[in-house]
Amino acid sequence: KVLRLVRTIRFFNDLRLVFDCMLGSMMSLVWCLAVILFTVYMFALLMVQGLGPDMAEPHSGLTQDQEDILAVKFSSVGIAMIALIKATTGGDDWGKVFEPLWVLGGFLPWCFLGYIAFFVLAAWNIVTSLFVEKATV
């Protein structure tokens, strides 16, 4: 019975440690979300404003499916933010969004590639390392 009690107390000690680490990283989570949302907002605003003239008139190089993708994904800043977040988190394939942008040409495909590269290579690694650092006791 004593051995079981010792095991149970040790289990709760580990559980307490996990909760302490989670609570200790909550402020970092809030600031990470703020920076990520601000960055996504800026890129979404850039994409919606940049696509405005192209969406007003039909483009000869785009197929109907590509025009529909751009019209759905970048119809407003909020929807563009969701499309950009989905493109970086695996919720949607970023290639589906990139192909119509590439056909349009200009600076928007390069901005989109820069956004994808920044988030996939830098932002998510920084966020992960921040939480690992905060979680170490």
C-alpha atoms as a PDB file:
ATOM      1  CA  LYS A   1       0.000   0.000   0.000  1.00  0.00           C
ATOM      2  CA  VAL A   2       2.810   2.403   0.763  1.00  0.00           C
ATOM      3  CA  LEU A   3       4.391   1.733  -2.625  1.00  0.00           C
ATOM      4  CA  ARG A   4       1.114   2.524  -4.404  1.00  0.00           C
ATOM      5  CA  LEU A   5       0.804   5.769  -2.465  1.00  0.00           C
ATOM      6  CA  VAL A   6       4.346   6.794  -3.427  1.00  0.00           C
ATOM      7  CA  ARG A   7       3.605   6.041  -7.101  1.00  0.00           C
ATOM      8  CA  THR A   8       0.381   8.061  -6.966  1.00  0.00           C
ATOM      9  CA  ILE A   9       2.077  11.066  -5.373  1.00  0.00           C
ATOM     10  CA  ARG A  10       4.843  10.899  -7.995  1.00  0.00           C
ATOM     11  CA  PHE A  11       2.216  10.855 -10.743  1.00  0.00           C
ATOM     12  CA  PHE A  12       0.516  13.959  -9.355  1.00  0.00           C
ATOM     13  CA  ASN A  13       3.881  15.691  -9.028  1.00  0.00           C
ATOM     14  CA  ASP A  14       4.506  15.138 -12.746  1.00  0.00           C
ATOM     15  CA  LEU A  15       0.985  16.307 -13.539  1.00  0.00           C
ATOM     16  CA  ARG A  16       1.525  19.453 -11.476  1.00  0.00           C
ATOM     17  CA  LEU A  17       4.765  20.072 -13.355  1.00  0.00           C
ATOM     18  CA  VAL A  18       2.968  19.793 -16.692  1.00  0.00           C
ATOM     19  CA  PHE A  19       0.284  22.271 -15.580  1.00  0.00           C
ATOM     20  CA  ASP A  20       2.910  24.676 -14.231  1.00  0.00           C
ATOM     21  CA  CYS A  21       4.728  24.615 -17.571  1.00  0.00           C
ATOM     22  CA  MET A  22       1.490  25.191 -19.476  1.00  0.00           C
ATOM     23  CA  LEU A  23       0.468  28.097 -17.263  1.00  0.00           C
ATOM     24  CA  GLY A  24       3.960  29.577 -17.444  1.00  0.00           C
ATOM     25  CA  SER A  25       3.810  29.698 -21.213  1.00  0.00           C
ATOM     26  CA  MET A  26       0.337  31.284 -21.491  1.00  0.00           C
ATOM     27  CA  MET A  27       1.644  34.850 -21.732  1.00  0.00           C
ATOM     28  CA  SER A  28       4.056  33.792 -24.466  1.00  0.00           C
ATOM     29  CA  LEU A  29       1.132  32.171 -26.281  1.00  0.00           C
ATOM     30  CA  VAL A  30      -0.857  35.408 -26.181  1.00  0.00           C
ATOM     31  CA  TRP A  31       2.039  37.446 -27.586  1.00  0.00           C
ATOM     32  CA  CYS A  32       2.825  34.836 -30.242  1.00  0.00           C
ATOM     33  CA  LEU A  33      -0.793  34.850 -31.383  1.00  0.00           C
ATOM     34  CA  ALA A  34      -0.774  38.654 -31.490  1.00  0.00           C
ATOM     35  CA  VAL A  35       2.343  38.778 -33.679  1.00  0.00           C
ATOM     36  CA  ILE A  36       1.091  35.983 -35.941  1.00  0.00           C
ATOM     37  CA  LEU A  37      -2.322  37.600 -36.380  1.00  0.00           C
ATOM     38  CA  PHE A  38      -0.748  40.982 -37.111  1.00  0.00           C
ATOM     39  CA  THR A  39       1.565  39.454 -39.737  1.00  0.00           C
ATOM     40  CA  VAL A  40      -1.262  37.484 -41.339  1.00  0.00           C
ATOM     41  CA  TYR A  41      -3.432  40.624 -41.340  1.00  0.00           C
ATOM     42  CA  MET A  42      -0.742  42.644 -43.123  1.00  0.00           C
ATOM     43  CA  PHE A  43      -0.236  39.982 -45.800  1.00  0.00           C
ATOM     44  CA  ALA A  44      -4.013  39.520 -46.242  1.00  0.00           C
ATOM     45  CA  LEU A  45      -4.441  43.271 -46.663  1.00  0.00           C
ATOM     46  CA  LEU A  46      -1.619  43.314 -49.213  1.00  0.00           C
ATOM     47  CA  MET A  47      -3.172  40.428 -51.163  1.00  0.00           C
ATOM     48  CA  VAL A  48      -6.720  41.842 -51.185  1.00  0.00           C
ATOM     49  CA  GLN A  49      -5.539  45.310 -52.187  1.00  0.00           C
ATOM     50  CA  GLY A  50      -3.161  43.907 -54.794  1.00  0.00           C
ATOM     51  CA  LEU A  51      -5.825  41.688 -56.335  1.00  0.00           C
ATOM     52  CA  GLY A  52      -8.472  44.436 -56.397  1.00  0.00           C
ATOM     53  CA  PRO A  53      -7.777  45.665 -59.948  1.00  0.00           C
ATOM     54  CA  ASP A  54      -7.383  42.098 -61.268  1.00  0.00           C
ATOM     55  CA  MET A  55     -10.668  40.970 -59.716  1.00  0.00           C
ATOM     56  CA  ALA A  56     -12.609  43.900 -61.210  1.00  0.00           C
ATOM     57  CA  GLU A  57     -12.050  42.742 -64.796  1.00  0.00           C
ATOM     58  CA  PRO A  58     -11.848  39.232 -66.217  1.00  0.00           C
ATOM     59  CA  HIS A  59      -8.314  38.064 -66.835  1.00  0.00           C
ATOM     60  CA  SER A  60      -7.637  36.163 -70.028  1.00  0.00           C
ATOM     61  CA  GLY A  61      -4.875  33.957 -68.623  1.00  0.00           C
ATOM     62  CA  LEU A  62      -6.939  32.524 -65.773  1.00  0.00           C
ATOM     63  CA  THR A  63      -9.257  29.568 -66.043  1.00  0.00           C
ATOM     64  CA  GLN A  64     -12.705  29.816 -64.500  1.00  0.00           C
ATOM     65  CA  ASP A  65     -11.581  27.623 -61.588  1.00  0.00           C
ATOM     66  CA  GLN A  66      -8.606  29.873 -60.892  1.00  0.00           C
ATOM     67  CA  GLU A  67     -10.800  32.974 -60.983  1.00  0.00           C
ATOM     68  CA  ASP A  68     -13.209  31.280 -58.573  1.00  0.00           C
ATOM     69  CA  ILE A  69     -10.361  30.375 -56.215  1.00  0.00           C
ATOM     70  CA  LEU A  70      -9.129  33.966 -56.106  1.00  0.00           C
ATOM     71  CA  ALA A  71     -12.663  35.329 -55.744  1.00  0.00           C
ATOM     72  CA  VAL A  72     -13.398  32.992 -52.827  1.00  0.00           C
ATOM     73  CA  LYS A  73     -10.044  33.141 -51.026  1.00  0.00           C
ATOM     74  CA  PHE A  74      -9.463  36.897 -51.317  1.00  0.00           C
ATOM     75  CA  SER A  75     -12.928  38.438 -51.314  1.00  0.00           C
ATOM     76  CA  SER A  76     -12.271  40.269 -48.034  1.00  0.00           C
ATOM     77  CA  VAL A  77      -9.420  40.745 -45.590  1.00  0.00           C
ATOM     78  CA  GLY A  78     -10.954  38.398 -43.007  1.00  0.00           C
ATOM     79  CA  ILE A  79     -11.473  35.609 -45.515  1.00  0.00           C
ATOM     80  CA  ALA A  80      -7.976  36.186 -46.902  1.00  0.00           C
ATOM     81  CA  MET A  81      -6.581  35.836 -43.375  1.00  0.00           C
ATOM     82  CA  ILE A  82      -8.309  32.476 -43.020  1.00  0.00           C
ATOM     83  CA  ALA A  83      -6.985  31.391 -46.430  1.00  0.00           C
ATOM     84  CA  LEU A  84      -3.436  32.396 -45.482  1.00  0.00           C
ATOM     85  CA  ILE A  85      -3.599  30.630 -42.119  1.00  0.00           C
ATOM     86  CA  LYS A  86      -4.961  27.510 -43.794  1.00  0.00           C
ATOM     87  CA  ALA A  87      -2.147  27.663 -46.362  1.00  0.00           C
ATOM     88  CA  THR A  88       0.527  27.648 -43.657  1.00  0.00           C
ATOM     89  CA  THR A  89      -0.997  25.174 -41.221  1.00  0.00           C
ATOM     90  CA  GLY A  90      -1.895  22.435 -43.677  1.00  0.00           C
ATOM     91  CA  GLY A  91      -5.609  23.173 -43.761  1.00  0.00           C
ATOM     92  CA  ASP A  92      -5.390  23.917 -47.471  1.00  0.00           C
ATOM     93  CA  ASP A  93      -2.706  23.292 -50.079  1.00  0.00           C
ATOM     94  CA  TRP A  94      -0.837  26.530 -50.707  1.00  0.00           C
ATOM     95  CA  GLY A  95      -0.217  25.498 -54.314  1.00  0.00           C
ATOM     96  CA  LYS A  96      -3.919  25.933 -55.114  1.00  0.00           C
ATOM     97  CA  VAL A  97      -3.688  29.576 -54.099  1.00  0.00           C
ATOM     98  CA  PHE A  98      -0.280  30.161 -55.667  1.00  0.00           C
ATOM     99  CA  GLU A  99      -1.082  28.919 -59.190  1.00  0.00           C
ATOM    100  CA  PRO A 100      -3.657  31.625 -60.058  1.00  0.00           C
ATOM    101  CA  LEU A 101      -1.389  34.263 -58.527  1.00  0.00           C
ATOM    102  CA  TRP A 102       1.494  33.045 -60.683  1.00  0.00           C
ATOM    103  CA  VAL A 103      -0.633  33.308 -63.814  1.00  0.00           C
ATOM    104  CA  LEU A 104      -1.530  36.890 -62.903  1.00  0.00           C
ATOM    105  CA  GLY A 105       2.133  37.729 -62.471  1.00  0.00           C
ATOM    106  CA  GLY A 106       3.470  40.831 -60.797  1.00  0.00           C
ATOM    107  CA  PHE A 107       4.673  40.998 -57.219  1.00  0.00           C
ATOM    108  CA  LEU A 108       1.799  39.126 -55.513  1.00  0.00           C
ATOM    109  CA  PRO A 109       3.061  35.584 -56.208  1.00  0.00           C
ATOM    110  CA  TRP A 110       6.426  36.564 -54.755  1.00  0.00           C
ATOM    111  CA  CYS A 111       4.771  38.104 -51.708  1.00  0.00           C
ATOM    112  CA  PHE A 112       2.759  34.928 -51.216  1.00  0.00           C
ATOM    113  CA  LEU A 113       5.896  32.773 -51.512  1.00  0.00           C
ATOM    114  CA  GLY A 114       7.657  35.056 -49.045  1.00  0.00           C
ATOM    115  CA  TYR A 115       4.751  34.687 -46.640  1.00  0.00           C
ATOM    116  CA  ILE A 116       4.774  30.887 -46.937  1.00  0.00           C
ATOM    117  CA  ALA A 117       8.552  30.699 -46.543  1.00  0.00           C
ATOM    118  CA  PHE A 118       8.511  33.029 -43.545  1.00  0.00           C
ATOM    119  CA  PHE A 119       5.848  31.076 -41.705  1.00  0.00           C
ATOM    120  CA  VAL A 120       6.957  27.573 -42.592  1.00  0.00           C
ATOM    121  CA  LEU A 121      10.676  28.140 -42.051  1.00  0.00           C
ATOM    122  CA  ALA A 122      10.835  30.867 -39.438  1.00  0.00           C
ATOM    123  CA  ALA A 123       7.679  31.688 -37.513  1.00  0.00           C
ATOM    124  CA  TRP A 124       6.588  28.181 -36.531  1.00  0.00           C
ATOM    125  CA  ASN A 125      10.162  27.247 -35.535  1.00  0.00           C
ATOM    126  CA  ILE A 126      10.487  30.379 -33.413  1.00  0.00           C
ATOM    127  CA  VAL A 127       7.158  29.718 -31.702  1.00  0.00           C
ATOM    128  CA  THR A 128       8.107  26.095 -31.045  1.00  0.00           C
ATOM    129  CA  SER A 129      11.499  27.004 -29.608  1.00  0.00           C
ATOM    130  CA  LEU A 130       9.926  29.685 -27.432  1.00  0.00           C
ATOM    131  CA  PHE A 131       7.517  27.183 -25.887  1.00  0.00           C
ATOM    132  CA  VAL A 132      10.240  24.585 -25.421  1.00  0.00           C
ATOM    133  CA  GLU A 133      12.367  27.190 -23.665  1.00  0.00           C
ATOM    134  CA  LYS A 134       9.483  28.304 -21.440  1.00  0.00           C
ATOM    135  CA  ALA A 135       8.505  24.715 -20.628  1.00  0.00           C
ATOM    136  CA  THR A 136      11.938  23.717 -19.343  1.00  0.00           C
ATOM    137  CA  VAL A 137      12.166  23.863 -15.593  1.00  0.00           C
END
